[in-house]
Amino acid sequence: MSDLVSILTPTYNTEKFIRATIESVQNQTYKYWEMILVDDGSTDQTVSVIEEFAQNDSRIKLFKLEKNSGNGFARNVALDKASGKYIAYLDSDDLWSFDKLEKQVQFLKTNNLHFTFSYYNCIDEEGNTLNRRVENPQPLTYNQLFFCNYVGNLTTIYDAEYFGKIKLESSQKRQDWRIWLTILKQIKTAEVIPEPLAFYRIRKDSISSSKFKLIKHNFGVYREFHGYNLVFSVFLMIRFLFTQLIIKRKYIKRV
């Protein structure tokens, strides 16, 4: 039997997008998965849409939080519920290509790896292409990741039997980057599948659209996660901004 992949999807007021997200999982050529959706107190019809799918597909599992507790908390709840060998992340407005899981699981097994990710394409709120592909250094080293989060959360998969379930404080921002840093600190380098296997939706109201918040949260990775003092964290943040604004740009391609 194939190894189970647990897909973790926190949701909050994404009724406009969640149907397409779930369908992109159902359309996977790799069929041995469970999709764990944790709704973080949505006030729209997100829950109703998910329940419609869950009634017809036992692999889709919905858990509802009584109050809005944040994306990190919802992810940790989903991780607690996961029972798969592999953990994959998919936000409730993003999409996967139909062969994403099959290619990644095969890649891990063939190369005896425990973590991988891929390129991804960007789409707008309506699902239209923005003719933009985000690529990555190949292979990706811990030192490269230290100064820039090259890893697209929606493209990742890791072996929970090897690393364990990687849980961080739910209040911490840039939780995804901290997870990849934890993994790369152990394995030193990560192999990338050099093709786009997912579609990242760029929304005007998304957290990632706020550049000031991103700077603040990224600074917190150096100050809180790594535990550096204020002065050294400022120095590292300057290096981060240089990498983000100058070096990473060469990995963003027009397609």
Protein backbone atom coordinates (compact mmCIF):
# COMPACT_ATOMS: atom_id res chain seq x y z
CA MET A 1 0.00 0.00 0.00
CA SER A 2 1.18 3.52 -0.73
CA ASP A 3 2.21 5.76 2.13
CA LEU A 4 -0.45 8.09 3.48
CA VAL A 5 0.01 11.82 2.91
CA SER A 6 -1.64 14.12 5.46
CA ILE A 7 -2.53 17.48 3.91
CA LEU A 8 -2.90 20.28 6.44
CA THR A 9 -5.22 23.14 5.49
CA PRO A 10 -6.26 25.88 7.93
CA THR A 11 -9.27 27.88 6.74
CA TYR A 12 -10.74 31.25 7.55
CA ASN A 13 -13.38 32.99 5.42
CA THR A 14 -12.26 31.52 2.11
CA GLU A 15 -15.62 30.41 0.71
CA LYS A 16 -14.64 31.96 -2.63
CA PHE A 17 -11.57 29.73 -3.00
CA ILE A 18 -11.89 26.60 -0.85
CA ARG A 19 -13.90 24.60 -3.38
CA ALA A 20 -11.17 24.85 -6.02
CA THR A 21 -8.51 24.06 -3.41
CA ILE A 22 -10.24 20.85 -2.33
CA GLU A 23 -10.91 19.83 -5.93
CA SER A 24 -7.22 20.22 -6.75
CA VAL A 25 -6.53 17.64 -4.02
CA GLN A 26 -9.28 15.29 -5.15
CA ASN A 27 -7.85 15.41 -8.67
CA GLN A 28 -4.46 14.10 -7.55
CA THR A 29 -3.17 11.05 -9.38
CA TYR A 30 -1.81 9.90 -6.00
CA LYS A 31 -4.93 8.79 -4.17
CA TYR A 32 -3.69 7.75 -0.72
CA TRP A 33 -4.13 11.00 1.19
CA GLU A 34 -6.18 12.60 3.91
CA MET A 35 -7.03 16.29 3.88
CA ILE A 36 -7.35 17.78 7.34
CA LEU A 37 -9.11 21.12 7.29
CA VAL A 38 -9.26 23.15 10.50
CA ASP A 39 -11.64 26.07 10.30
CA ASP A 40 -10.54 28.99 12.43
CA GLY A 41 -13.95 30.48 13.20
CA SER A 42 -15.10 31.45 9.71
CA THR A 43 -18.11 33.75 9.52
CA ASP A 44 -18.91 33.08 5.87
CA GLN A 45 -19.93 29.83 4.14
CA THR A 46 -16.50 28.19 4.24
CA VAL A 47 -17.61 25.46 6.64
CA SER A 48 -20.71 24.65 4.61
CA VAL A 49 -18.63 24.17 1.47
CA ILE A 50 -16.18 21.87 3.26
CA GLU A 51 -18.99 19.85 4.85
CA GLU A 52 -20.44 19.25 1.39
CA PHE A 53 -17.18 17.66 0.28
CA ALA A 54 -16.64 15.76 3.54
CA GLN A 55 -20.04 14.08 3.27
CA ASN A 56 -19.00 12.53 -0.04
CA ASP A 57 -15.32 11.84 0.53
CA SER A 58 -14.15 10.23 3.78
CA ARG A 59 -10.59 11.38 3.15
CA ILE A 60 -11.69 14.97 3.78
CA LYS A 61 -11.86 15.71 7.51
CA LEU A 62 -13.16 18.96 9.02
CA PHE A 63 -12.42 20.24 12.51
CA LYS A 64 -13.97 23.49 13.73
CA LEU A 65 -12.45 25.84 16.28
CA GLU A 66 -14.87 27.66 18.56
CA LYS A 67 -13.06 30.97 18.19
CA ASN A 68 -10.56 32.54 15.84
CA SER A 69 -7.12 31.58 17.18
CA GLY A 70 -4.79 32.29 14.28
CA ASN A 71 -3.35 30.38 11.36
CA GLY A 72 -0.49 28.89 13.38
CA PHE A 73 -2.83 27.47 16.00
CA ALA A 74 -5.08 25.94 13.32
CA ARG A 75 -2.06 24.34 11.64
CA ASN A 76 -0.96 22.79 14.91
CA VAL A 77 -4.44 21.36 15.48
CA ALA A 78 -4.32 19.85 11.98
CA LEU A 79 -0.89 18.40 12.70
CA ASP A 80 -2.19 16.76 15.88
CA LYS A 81 -4.93 15.08 13.82
CA ALA A 82 -2.56 13.89 11.07
CA SER A 83 -1.81 10.19 10.80
CA GLY A 84 0.21 10.07 7.57
CA LYS A 85 3.82 9.18 6.98
CA TYR A 86 4.16 12.38 4.99
CA ILE A 87 3.02 15.89 5.90
CA ALA A 88 2.10 18.39 3.19
CA TYR A 89 0.78 21.93 3.51
CA LEU A 90 -1.85 23.62 1.38
CA ASP A 91 -3.47 26.93 2.27
CA SER A 92 -7.17 27.31 1.61
CA ASP A 93 -6.80 29.59 -1.41
CA ASP A 94 -3.95 27.83 -3.22
CA LEU A 95 -4.00 24.97 -5.75
CA TRP A 96 -1.95 21.92 -6.69
CA SER A 97 -1.19 20.48 -10.09
CA PHE A 98 -2.85 17.08 -10.57
CA ASP A 99 0.42 15.12 -10.27
CA LYS A 100 1.99 17.05 -7.37
CA LEU A 101 1.82 14.33 -4.73
CA GLU A 102 2.68 11.47 -7.06
CA LYS A 103 5.84 13.18 -8.29
CA GLN A 104 6.94 14.21 -4.82
CA VAL A 105 6.41 10.85 -3.12
CA GLN A 106 8.19 9.10 -5.98
CA PHE A 107 11.03 11.64 -5.83
CA LEU A 108 11.49 11.11 -2.08
CA LYS A 109 11.48 7.33 -2.35
CA THR A 110 13.68 7.10 -5.42
CA ASN A 111 16.35 9.36 -3.95
CA ASN A 112 16.01 8.21 -0.32
CA LEU A 113 15.08 11.74 0.81
CA HIS A 114 12.87 13.00 3.62
CA PHE A 115 11.97 16.50 2.48
CA THR A 116 11.42 18.23 -0.83
CA PHE A 117 9.58 21.10 -2.44
CA SER A 118 9.12 22.53 -5.93
CA TYR A 119 8.68 25.61 -8.07
CA TYR A 120 5.25 27.21 -8.22
CA ASN A 121 3.26 29.52 -10.50
CA CYS A 122 1.37 32.63 -9.40
CA ILE A 123 -2.29 33.31 -10.09
CA ASP A 124 -4.61 36.19 -9.24
CA GLU A 125 -7.77 36.15 -7.13
CA GLU A 126 -9.82 34.90 -10.08
CA GLY A 127 -7.42 32.08 -10.86
CA ASN A 128 -5.87 33.75 -13.91
CA THR A 129 -2.18 33.29 -14.54
CA LEU A 130 0.14 36.15 -13.67
CA ASN A 131 2.78 34.69 -16.00
CA ARG A 132 5.16 34.38 -13.08
CA ARG A 133 7.03 31.31 -11.85
CA VAL A 134 8.93 31.20 -8.58
CA GLU A 135 11.97 28.93 -8.69
CA ASN A 136 14.55 27.96 -6.05
CA PRO A 137 18.28 27.36 -5.61
CA GLN A 138 19.13 23.74 -6.43
CA PRO A 139 20.02 22.25 -4.05
CA LEU A 140 18.96 24.57 -1.24
CA THR A 141 21.39 24.84 1.67
CA TYR A 142 20.74 25.81 5.25
CA ASN A 143 22.87 28.95 4.82
CA GLN A 144 20.79 30.06 1.83
CA LEU A 145 17.55 29.44 3.72
CA PHE A 146 18.92 31.31 6.74
CA PHE A 147 18.86 34.58 4.81
CA CYS A 148 15.72 34.05 2.73
CA ASN A 149 12.71 31.76 2.77
CA TYR A 150 13.00 30.26 -0.69
CA VAL A 151 10.52 27.50 0.16
CA GLY A 152 6.93 27.84 -1.01
CA ASN A 153 4.75 26.45 1.79
CA LEU A 154 2.21 25.05 -0.69
CA THR A 155 4.90 22.96 -2.42
CA THR A 156 6.42 21.14 0.55
CA ILE A 157 6.27 17.59 1.79
CA TYR A 158 8.26 15.99 4.61
CA ASP A 159 8.61 12.58 6.18
CA ALA A 160 7.01 12.70 9.65
CA GLU A 161 8.37 9.26 10.50
CA TYR A 162 11.88 10.64 10.02
CA PHE A 163 11.57 14.14 11.51
CA GLY A 164 8.58 13.62 13.76
CA LYS A 165 5.68 16.04 13.66
CA ILE A 166 7.34 19.45 13.63
CA LYS A 167 5.25 21.70 15.83
CA LEU A 168 6.14 25.26 16.80
CA GLU A 169 4.51 27.78 19.09
CA SER A 170 1.25 28.73 17.43
CA SER A 171 1.77 32.41 18.25
CA GLN A 172 4.99 32.55 16.26
CA LYS A 173 4.84 34.31 12.90
CA ARG A 174 6.58 32.96 9.79
CA GLN A 175 5.90 29.52 11.23
CA ASP A 176 6.53 27.96 7.82
CA TRP A 177 10.05 29.39 7.53
CA ARG A 178 10.87 28.19 11.04
CA ILE A 179 9.77 24.66 10.11
CA TRP A 180 12.02 24.57 7.02
CA LEU A 181 14.93 25.96 9.07
CA THR A 182 14.38 23.18 11.61
CA ILE A 183 14.47 20.59 8.82
CA LEU A 184 17.46 22.04 6.96
CA LYS A 185 19.47 22.41 10.16
CA GLN A 186 19.25 18.63 10.40
CA ILE A 187 19.72 17.56 6.78
CA LYS A 188 21.90 20.54 5.66
CA THR A 189 20.60 20.61 2.07
CA ALA A 190 17.26 20.00 0.35
CA GLU A 191 16.67 18.75 -3.17
CA VAL A 192 14.12 20.67 -5.23
CA ILE A 193 11.85 19.27 -7.93
CA PRO A 194 12.62 21.78 -10.71
CA GLU A 195 9.12 22.25 -12.07
CA PRO A 196 5.99 24.09 -10.93
CA LEU A 197 3.69 21.73 -9.02
CA ALA A 198 1.42 24.31 -7.37
CA PHE A 199 -0.36 27.60 -7.89
CA TYR A 200 0.01 30.41 -5.36
CA ARG A 201 -2.91 32.81 -5.27
CA ILE A 202 -1.95 36.43 -4.73
CA ARG A 203 -4.72 38.29 -2.92
CA LYS A 204 -4.95 41.96 -2.09
CA ASP A 205 -6.13 41.25 1.46
CA SER A 206 -3.63 38.47 2.25
CA ILE A 207 -1.19 38.73 5.14
CA SER A 208 1.72 38.32 2.76
CA SER A 209 0.64 41.44 0.86
CA SER A 210 1.64 43.61 3.83
CA LYS A 211 5.35 44.31 3.37
CA PHE A 212 5.71 46.03 6.73
CA LYS A 213 4.24 43.05 8.58
CA LEU A 214 6.53 40.70 6.66
CA ILE A 215 9.60 42.65 7.71
CA LYS A 216 8.45 42.58 11.33
CA HIS A 217 7.71 38.86 11.29
CA ASN A 218 10.97 38.00 9.50
CA PHE A 219 12.90 40.02 12.08
CA GLY A 220 11.18 37.92 14.74
CA VAL A 221 12.72 34.78 13.24
CA TYR A 222 16.21 36.09 13.98
CA ARG A 223 15.32 37.66 17.32
CA GLU A 224 13.04 34.96 18.78
CA PHE A 225 13.60 31.71 16.90
CA HIS A 226 17.39 31.93 16.62
CA GLY A 227 17.71 33.91 19.84
CA TYR A 228 20.14 36.57 18.60
CA ASN A 229 20.51 39.90 20.37
CA LEU A 230 18.94 43.07 18.99
CA VAL A 231 22.02 44.47 17.26
CA PHE A 232 22.98 41.22 15.54
CA SER A 233 19.35 40.62 14.54
CA VAL A 234 19.26 44.04 12.87
CA PHE A 235 22.46 43.18 10.98
CA LEU A 236 20.98 39.85 9.85
CA MET A 237 17.78 41.57 8.80
CA ILE A 238 19.74 43.93 6.55
CA ARG A 239 21.36 40.90 4.93
CA PHE A 240 17.91 39.29 4.65
CA LEU A 241 16.47 42.33 2.86
CA PHE A 242 19.40 42.38 0.43
CA THR A 243 18.87 38.70 -0.35
CA GLN A 244 15.09 39.10 -0.63
CA LEU A 245 15.18 42.18 -2.86
CA ILE A 246 18.24 41.47 -4.97
CA ILE A 247 19.25 37.80 -5.02
CA LYS A 248 15.83 36.15 -4.84
CA ARG A 249 14.57 38.21 -7.77
CA LYS A 250 16.61 36.12 -10.19
CA TYR A 251 14.53 33.10 -9.19
CA ILE A 252 11.28 34.81 -10.23
CA LYS A 253 10.78 34.15 -13.92
CA ARG A 254 8.34 35.38 -16.54
CA VAL A 255 6.55 32.50 -18.26
